[in-house]
Amino acid sequence: MSVCSDLNSEQQTKLLKEIEKGQFFELARTMTILGMFSNPEYGGNYNQIGWKLLGFEDQFFYKSPFGFYDVEYQAK
């Protein structure tokens, strides 16, 4: 039985590309992304690091303008 470290660079790359096609890898990747950018109150995104990476501000309230359709709206 060989170990990944026994493989040369080309063989390691080939192995990783095969692993990426698997159902487990897709699930692990999806859960990692969800945890990285989720609301920290649910247990992921420790210290809001994922949000900081994106430049997202934790305001949790909405204020206009919301988009192109109301960009000229003037808040009172």
Protein backbone atom coordinates (compact mmCIF):
# COMPACT_ATOMS: atom_id res chain seq x y z
CA MET A 1 0.00 0.00 0.00
CA SER A 2 1.50 3.30 -1.04
CA VAL A 3 1.11 6.57 0.78
CA CYS A 4 0.35 9.89 -0.93
CA SER A 5 3.77 11.20 0.03
CA ASP A 6 5.33 8.30 -1.93
CA LEU A 7 3.72 9.58 -5.14
CA ASN A 8 5.45 12.03 -7.43
CA SER A 9 3.96 15.46 -8.10
CA GLU A 10 2.10 14.39 -11.23
CA GLN A 11 0.58 11.35 -9.49
CA GLN A 12 -0.48 13.47 -6.49
CA THR A 13 -2.19 15.98 -8.78
CA LYS A 14 -4.00 13.16 -10.60
CA LEU A 15 -5.14 11.68 -7.28
CA LEU A 16 -6.42 15.03 -6.00
CA LYS A 17 -8.36 15.62 -9.22
CA GLU A 18 -10.04 12.24 -8.77
CA ILE A 19 -10.89 12.99 -5.12
CA GLU A 20 -12.47 16.32 -6.19
CA LYS A 21 -15.01 14.40 -8.29
CA GLY A 22 -16.31 12.48 -5.28
CA GLN A 23 -19.55 13.11 -3.44
CA PHE A 24 -17.81 13.40 -0.05
CA PHE A 25 -15.46 16.12 -1.32
CA GLU A 26 -18.39 18.13 -2.71
CA LEU A 27 -20.23 17.88 0.62
CA ALA A 28 -17.14 18.86 2.63
CA ARG A 29 -16.47 21.80 0.29
CA THR A 30 -20.07 23.03 0.51
CA MET A 31 -20.16 22.79 4.30
CA THR A 32 -16.83 24.62 4.56
CA ILE A 33 -18.10 27.50 2.41
CA LEU A 34 -21.38 27.69 4.34
CA GLY A 35 -19.53 27.75 7.66
CA MET A 36 -17.08 30.40 6.47
CA PHE A 37 -19.78 32.89 5.50
CA SER A 38 -22.68 32.02 7.82
CA ASN A 39 -24.06 34.11 10.66
CA PRO A 40 -21.67 33.57 13.61
CA GLU A 41 -24.58 33.01 15.97
CA TYR A 42 -25.07 29.63 14.26
CA GLY A 43 -21.55 28.44 15.06
CA GLY A 44 -19.50 29.32 11.97
CA ASN A 45 -17.66 32.39 10.72
CA TYR A 46 -15.66 32.87 13.96
CA ASN A 47 -15.14 36.57 14.74
CA GLN A 48 -16.93 37.34 11.46
CA ILE A 49 -13.72 36.61 9.55
CA GLY A 50 -15.61 35.46 6.45
CA TRP A 51 -17.63 38.66 6.37
CA LYS A 52 -14.51 40.78 6.85
CA LEU A 53 -12.92 38.97 3.94
CA LEU A 54 -15.84 40.04 1.73
CA GLY A 55 -16.16 43.54 3.18
CA PHE A 56 -19.65 42.76 4.51
CA GLU A 57 -20.84 45.03 7.32
CA ASP A 58 -22.92 43.42 10.08
CA GLN A 59 -25.82 45.89 10.21
CA PHE A 60 -28.78 43.47 10.21
CA PHE A 61 -31.20 46.16 9.24
CA TYR A 62 -31.96 47.42 5.82
CA LYS A 63 -31.85 50.97 4.62
CA SER A 64 -32.33 52.36 1.17
CA PRO A 65 -31.22 52.57 -1.49
CA PHE A 66 -31.58 48.84 -1.96
CA GLY A 67 -30.46 48.77 -5.57
CA PHE A 68 -30.54 50.44 -8.93
CA TYR A 69 -34.33 50.74 -8.86
CA ASP A 70 -34.42 53.18 -5.92
CA VAL A 71 -30.99 54.79 -6.07
CA GLU A 72 -32.59 58.25 -6.26
CA TYR A 73 -34.66 57.69 -3.09
CA GLN A 74 -33.92 60.27 -0.42
CA ALA A 75 -34.30 59.02 3.16
CA LYS A 76 -36.04 61.43 5.50
